[in-house]
Amino acid sequence: MKKEILPLSALLFDSENELPEEDLKLLIEARLAAQKAYAPYSRFKVGAAVKLANGIIIQGNNQENAAYPSGLCAERVALFYAHAQYPDVAVESIAITALGNKGLINEPLSPCGACRQVMAESEKNSNQPMRVIMQGQQGPVMVAESMKVLLPFSFLDEYLHKYTNTTI
């Protein structure tokens, strides 16, 4: 057996006041998006803001449905819209925040597994790291410099090419 330790680390800022200006701007856009979320069932509003390499910022928020599997998370709403409108433009960073109805969220909340997989594919397709900025409504901010930190063993299309006759 071979044991290998992977260097996975993220930055933890005590507050958004310590963030670089670009990250703070994106986080504010995510907060604005969260306020507009459609979350009548969970009452857990999530906002995401994506910054593209061309400087454009795109907001997304969670969209719930009475048939739960039919809803979509904020991160995927923002990324899918970005890729639909700007298919050849890389995503540089994404900020994610959430609003609860039971008091202030004062810890960073990370994306669900499905969103992590979509984010990993987006990062791979752009061939550059995607900065991920996470915060609740206030308090500390966690920043991952790449999706490899949040999903180190992601499933990528290279496995399909390597082990099947599938071409994508």
C-alpha atoms as a PDB file:
ATOM      1  CA  MET A   1       0.000   0.000   0.000  1.00  0.00           C
ATOM      2  CA  LYS A   2       1.152   3.460  -0.848  1.00  0.00           C
ATOM      3  CA  LYS A   3      -0.034   6.387   1.228  1.00  0.00           C
ATOM      4  CA  GLU A   4       0.124   9.779  -0.390  1.00  0.00           C
ATOM      5  CA  ILE A   5      -0.836  13.044   1.267  1.00  0.00           C
ATOM      6  CA  LEU A   6      -2.506  15.505  -1.056  1.00  0.00           C
ATOM      7  CA  PRO A   7      -1.865  19.229  -0.536  1.00  0.00           C
ATOM      8  CA  LEU A   8      -5.432  20.540  -0.303  1.00  0.00           C
ATOM      9  CA  SER A   9      -5.791  23.917   1.324  1.00  0.00           C
ATOM     10  CA  ALA A  10      -8.070  26.923   1.307  1.00  0.00           C
ATOM     11  CA  LEU A  11      -7.701  30.452   2.591  1.00  0.00           C
ATOM     12  CA  LEU A  12      -9.827  31.508   5.539  1.00  0.00           C
ATOM     13  CA  PHE A  13     -10.450  35.233   6.008  1.00  0.00           C
ATOM     14  CA  ASP A  14     -11.944  36.479   9.287  1.00  0.00           C
ATOM     15  CA  SER A  15     -14.322  38.744   7.373  1.00  0.00           C
ATOM     16  CA  GLU A  16     -15.044  40.023   3.893  1.00  0.00           C
ATOM     17  CA  ASN A  17     -13.104  43.198   4.754  1.00  0.00           C
ATOM     18  CA  GLU A  18      -9.883  41.221   4.259  1.00  0.00           C
ATOM     19  CA  LEU A  19     -10.801  40.082   0.745  1.00  0.00           C
ATOM     20  CA  PRO A  20      -9.278  41.517  -2.408  1.00  0.00           C
ATOM     21  CA  GLU A  21     -11.643  44.076  -3.973  1.00  0.00           C
ATOM     22  CA  GLU A  22     -12.582  41.793  -6.901  1.00  0.00           C
ATOM     23  CA  ASP A  23     -13.601  38.968  -4.546  1.00  0.00           C
ATOM     24  CA  LEU A  24     -15.661  41.299  -2.362  1.00  0.00           C
ATOM     25  CA  LYS A  25     -17.463  42.691  -5.410  1.00  0.00           C
ATOM     26  CA  LEU A  26     -18.347  39.164  -6.527  1.00  0.00           C
ATOM     27  CA  LEU A  27     -19.538  38.220  -3.037  1.00  0.00           C
ATOM     28  CA  ILE A  28     -21.827  41.262  -2.962  1.00  0.00           C
ATOM     29  CA  GLU A  29     -23.289  40.188  -6.315  1.00  0.00           C
ATOM     30  CA  ALA A  30     -23.922  36.713  -4.865  1.00  0.00           C
ATOM     31  CA  ARG A  31     -25.742  38.300  -1.898  1.00  0.00           C
ATOM     32  CA  LEU A  32     -27.951  40.277  -4.270  1.00  0.00           C
ATOM     33  CA  ALA A  33     -28.720  37.088  -6.187  1.00  0.00           C
ATOM     34  CA  ALA A  34     -29.622  35.218  -2.982  1.00  0.00           C
ATOM     35  CA  GLN A  35     -32.216  37.841  -2.106  1.00  0.00           C
ATOM     36  CA  LYS A  36     -34.024  37.044  -5.375  1.00  0.00           C
ATOM     37  CA  ALA A  37     -33.962  33.251  -4.980  1.00  0.00           C
ATOM     38  CA  TYR A  38     -37.147  31.238  -5.330  1.00  0.00           C
ATOM     39  CA  ALA A  39     -37.077  29.041  -2.227  1.00  0.00           C
ATOM     40  CA  PRO A  40     -40.640  28.772  -0.848  1.00  0.00           C
ATOM     41  CA  TYR A  41     -40.143  25.202   0.408  1.00  0.00           C
ATOM     42  CA  SER A  42     -36.749  25.188   2.127  1.00  0.00           C
ATOM     43  CA  ARG A  43     -36.657  28.921   2.855  1.00  0.00           C
ATOM     44  CA  PHE A  44     -32.915  28.571   2.305  1.00  0.00           C
ATOM     45  CA  LYS A  45     -31.937  31.140  -0.308  1.00  0.00           C
ATOM     46  CA  VAL A  46     -28.620  30.652  -2.064  1.00  0.00           C
ATOM     47  CA  GLY A  47     -26.942  33.117  -4.387  1.00  0.00           C
ATOM     48  CA  ALA A  48     -24.000  32.676  -6.717  1.00  0.00           C
ATOM     49  CA  ALA A  49     -22.091  35.116  -8.868  1.00  0.00           C
ATOM     50  CA  VAL A  50     -19.714  34.057 -11.610  1.00  0.00           C
ATOM     51  CA  LYS A  51     -16.921  36.264 -12.965  1.00  0.00           C
ATOM     52  CA  LEU A  52     -15.911  35.476 -16.522  1.00  0.00           C
ATOM     53  CA  ALA A  53     -12.507  36.120 -18.077  1.00  0.00           C
ATOM     54  CA  ASN A  54     -14.045  38.946 -20.130  1.00  0.00           C
ATOM     55  CA  GLY A  55     -15.044  40.730 -16.885  1.00  0.00           C
ATOM     56  CA  ILE A  56     -18.764  39.989 -17.112  1.00  0.00           C
ATOM     57  CA  ILE A  57     -20.465  38.958 -13.859  1.00  0.00           C
ATOM     58  CA  ILE A  58     -23.455  36.639 -13.967  1.00  0.00           C
ATOM     59  CA  GLN A  59     -25.785  36.002 -11.044  1.00  0.00           C
ATOM     60  CA  GLY A  60     -27.693  32.834 -10.256  1.00  0.00           C
ATOM     61  CA  ASN A  61     -29.881  31.691  -7.386  1.00  0.00           C
ATOM     62  CA  ASN A  62     -31.604  28.527  -6.314  1.00  0.00           C
ATOM     63  CA  GLN A  63     -34.914  27.789  -7.988  1.00  0.00           C
ATOM     64  CA  GLU A  64     -37.090  25.344  -6.072  1.00  0.00           C
ATOM     65  CA  ASN A  65     -40.072  23.348  -7.239  1.00  0.00           C
ATOM     66  CA  ALA A  66     -42.779  21.391  -5.398  1.00  0.00           C
ATOM     67  CA  ALA A  67     -41.375  18.357  -7.216  1.00  0.00           C
ATOM     68  CA  TYR A  68     -38.036  18.647  -5.399  1.00  0.00           C
ATOM     69  CA  PRO A  69     -35.758  17.047  -8.001  1.00  0.00           C
ATOM     70  CA  SER A  70     -36.961  19.624 -10.530  1.00  0.00           C
ATOM     71  CA  GLY A  71     -35.284  22.531  -8.748  1.00  0.00           C
ATOM     72  CA  LEU A  72     -31.764  23.751  -9.398  1.00  0.00           C
ATOM     73  CA  CYS A  73     -28.970  25.132  -7.216  1.00  0.00           C
ATOM     74  CA  ALA A  74     -27.648  28.686  -7.532  1.00  0.00           C
ATOM     75  CA  GLU A  75     -24.184  27.606  -8.662  1.00  0.00           C
ATOM     76  CA  ARG A  76     -25.514  25.560 -11.578  1.00  0.00           C
ATOM     77  CA  VAL A  77     -28.009  28.257 -12.580  1.00  0.00           C
ATOM     78  CA  ALA A  78     -25.158  30.793 -12.822  1.00  0.00           C
ATOM     79  CA  LEU A  79     -22.692  28.454 -14.541  1.00  0.00           C
ATOM     80  CA  PHE A  80     -25.178  27.068 -17.059  1.00  0.00           C
ATOM     81  CA  TYR A  81     -26.299  30.567 -17.992  1.00  0.00           C
ATOM     82  CA  ALA A  82     -22.687  31.710 -18.315  1.00  0.00           C
ATOM     83  CA  HIS A  83     -21.790  28.797 -20.581  1.00  0.00           C
ATOM     84  CA  ALA A  84     -24.976  29.213 -22.640  1.00  0.00           C
ATOM     85  CA  GLN A  85     -24.301  32.899 -23.277  1.00  0.00           C
ATOM     86  CA  TYR A  86     -20.484  32.857 -23.381  1.00  0.00           C
ATOM     87  CA  PRO A  87     -19.472  29.289 -24.340  1.00  0.00           C
ATOM     88  CA  ASP A  88     -15.863  30.130 -25.127  1.00  0.00           C
ATOM     89  CA  VAL A  89     -15.160  32.392 -22.140  1.00  0.00           C
ATOM     90  CA  ALA A  90     -13.476  30.917 -19.069  1.00  0.00           C
ATOM     91  CA  VAL A  91     -14.969  31.215 -15.605  1.00  0.00           C
ATOM     92  CA  GLU A  92     -12.366  32.868 -13.364  1.00  0.00           C
ATOM     93  CA  SER A  93     -14.239  32.760 -10.074  1.00  0.00           C
ATOM     94  CA  ILE A  94     -17.529  32.054  -8.365  1.00  0.00           C
ATOM     95  CA  ALA A  95     -18.860  33.464  -5.090  1.00  0.00           C
ATOM     96  CA  ILE A  96     -21.515  31.627  -3.100  1.00  0.00           C
ATOM     97  CA  THR A  97     -23.604  32.784  -0.144  1.00  0.00           C
ATOM     98  CA  ALA A  98     -26.833  31.807   1.582  1.00  0.00           C
ATOM     99  CA  LEU A  99     -29.666  33.337   3.584  1.00  0.00           C
ATOM    100  CA  GLY A 100     -31.582  31.305   6.133  1.00  0.00           C
ATOM    101  CA  ASN A 101     -34.852  32.206   7.807  1.00  0.00           C
ATOM    102  CA  LYS A 102     -33.717  31.079  11.264  1.00  0.00           C
ATOM    103  CA  GLY A 103     -31.040  33.598  12.171  1.00  0.00           C
ATOM    104  CA  LEU A 104     -27.858  34.761  10.524  1.00  0.00           C
ATOM    105  CA  ILE A 105     -25.624  32.256   8.793  1.00  0.00           C
ATOM    106  CA  ASN A 106     -22.145  33.149  10.010  1.00  0.00           C
ATOM    107  CA  GLU A 107     -20.051  30.377   8.516  1.00  0.00           C
ATOM    108  CA  PRO A 108     -18.960  29.612   4.949  1.00  0.00           C
ATOM    109  CA  LEU A 109     -21.234  27.130   3.204  1.00  0.00           C
ATOM    110  CA  SER A 110     -19.819  24.958   0.458  1.00  0.00           C
ATOM    111  CA  PRO A 111     -21.566  23.742  -2.711  1.00  0.00           C
ATOM    112  CA  CYS A 112     -23.391  20.423  -2.900  1.00  0.00           C
ATOM    113  CA  GLY A 113     -21.824  17.465  -4.688  1.00  0.00           C
ATOM    114  CA  ALA A 114     -23.714  17.973  -7.956  1.00  0.00           C
ATOM    115  CA  CYS A 115     -22.608  21.605  -8.112  1.00  0.00           C
ATOM    116  CA  ARG A 116     -19.027  20.630  -7.323  1.00  0.00           C
ATOM    117  CA  GLN A 117     -19.024  18.212 -10.254  1.00  0.00           C
ATOM    118  CA  VAL A 118     -20.385  20.876 -12.627  1.00  0.00           C
ATOM    119  CA  MET A 119     -17.855  23.387 -11.302  1.00  0.00           C
ATOM    120  CA  ALA A 120     -15.019  20.875 -11.784  1.00  0.00           C
ATOM    121  CA  GLU A 121     -16.034  20.306 -15.396  1.00  0.00           C
ATOM    122  CA  SER A 122     -16.273  24.042 -15.990  1.00  0.00           C
ATOM    123  CA  GLU A 123     -12.765  24.471 -14.593  1.00  0.00           C
ATOM    124  CA  LYS A 124     -11.420  21.636 -16.735  1.00  0.00           C
ATOM    125  CA  ASN A 125     -13.042  23.003 -19.895  1.00  0.00           C
ATOM    126  CA  SER A 126     -11.539  26.448 -19.385  1.00  0.00           C
ATOM    127  CA  ASN A 127      -8.136  24.929 -18.626  1.00  0.00           C
ATOM    128  CA  GLN A 128      -7.566  27.311 -15.729  1.00  0.00           C
ATOM    129  CA  PRO A 129      -8.328  27.220 -12.007  1.00  0.00           C
ATOM    130  CA  MET A 130     -11.661  28.575 -10.802  1.00  0.00           C
ATOM    131  CA  ARG A 131     -11.468  30.586  -7.585  1.00  0.00           C
ATOM    132  CA  VAL A 132     -14.338  29.662  -5.226  1.00  0.00           C
ATOM    133  CA  ILE A 133     -15.387  32.237  -2.612  1.00  0.00           C
ATOM    134  CA  MET A 134     -17.786  31.037   0.111  1.00  0.00           C
ATOM    135  CA  GLN A 135     -19.476  32.928   2.946  1.00  0.00           C
ATOM    136  CA  GLY A 136     -22.725  32.816   4.910  1.00  0.00           C
ATOM    137  CA  GLN A 137     -24.511  36.103   5.509  1.00  0.00           C
ATOM    138  CA  GLN A 138     -21.571  37.392   7.514  1.00  0.00           C
ATOM    139  CA  GLY A 139     -18.451  36.196   9.263  1.00  0.00           C
ATOM    140  CA  PRO A 140     -15.505  34.270   7.863  1.00  0.00           C
ATOM    141  CA  VAL A 141     -14.929  33.784   4.164  1.00  0.00           C
ATOM    142  CA  MET A 142     -13.335  30.647   2.748  1.00  0.00           C
ATOM    143  CA  VAL A 143     -11.551  30.833  -0.594  1.00  0.00           C
ATOM    144  CA  ALA A 144     -10.412  27.823  -2.589  1.00  0.00           C
ATOM    145  CA  GLU A 145      -7.999  28.632  -5.402  1.00  0.00           C
ATOM    146  CA  SER A 146      -9.247  25.723  -7.511  1.00  0.00           C
ATOM    147  CA  MET A 147     -12.053  23.188  -7.671  1.00  0.00           C
ATOM    148  CA  LYS A 148      -9.423  20.532  -6.987  1.00  0.00           C
ATOM    149  CA  VAL A 149      -9.601  21.649  -3.347  1.00  0.00           C
ATOM    150  CA  LEU A 150     -13.371  21.106  -3.119  1.00  0.00           C
ATOM    151  CA  LEU A 151     -13.538  18.000  -5.300  1.00  0.00           C
ATOM    152  CA  PRO A 152     -10.092  16.412  -5.448  1.00  0.00           C
ATOM    153  CA  PHE A 153     -11.260  13.134  -6.994  1.00  0.00           C
ATOM    154  CA  SER A 154     -13.715  14.470  -9.565  1.00  0.00           C
ATOM    155  CA  PHE A 155     -14.981  12.396 -12.467  1.00  0.00           C
ATOM    156  CA  LEU A 156     -13.708  13.878 -15.723  1.00  0.00           C
ATOM    157  CA  ASP A 157     -14.371  13.085 -19.357  1.00  0.00           C
ATOM    158  CA  GLU A 158     -10.818  11.805 -19.721  1.00  0.00           C
ATOM    159  CA  TYR A 159     -11.969   8.569 -18.052  1.00  0.00           C
ATOM    160  CA  LEU A 160     -14.573   8.081 -20.767  1.00  0.00           C
ATOM    161  CA  HIS A 161     -11.932   8.569 -23.460  1.00  0.00           C
ATOM    162  CA  LYS A 162      -9.491   6.280 -21.691  1.00  0.00           C
ATOM    163  CA  TYR A 163     -11.783   3.354 -20.842  1.00  0.00           C
ATOM    164  CA  THR A 164     -14.558   3.413 -23.442  1.00  0.00           C
ATOM    165  CA  ASN A 165     -15.131   4.071 -27.130  1.00  0.00           C
ATOM    166  CA  THR A 166     -17.028   7.205 -26.206  1.00  0.00           C
ATOM    167  CA  THR A 167     -16.051  10.418 -27.912  1.00  0.00           C
ATOM    168  CA  ILE A 168     -17.277  13.726 -26.595  1.00  0.00           C
END
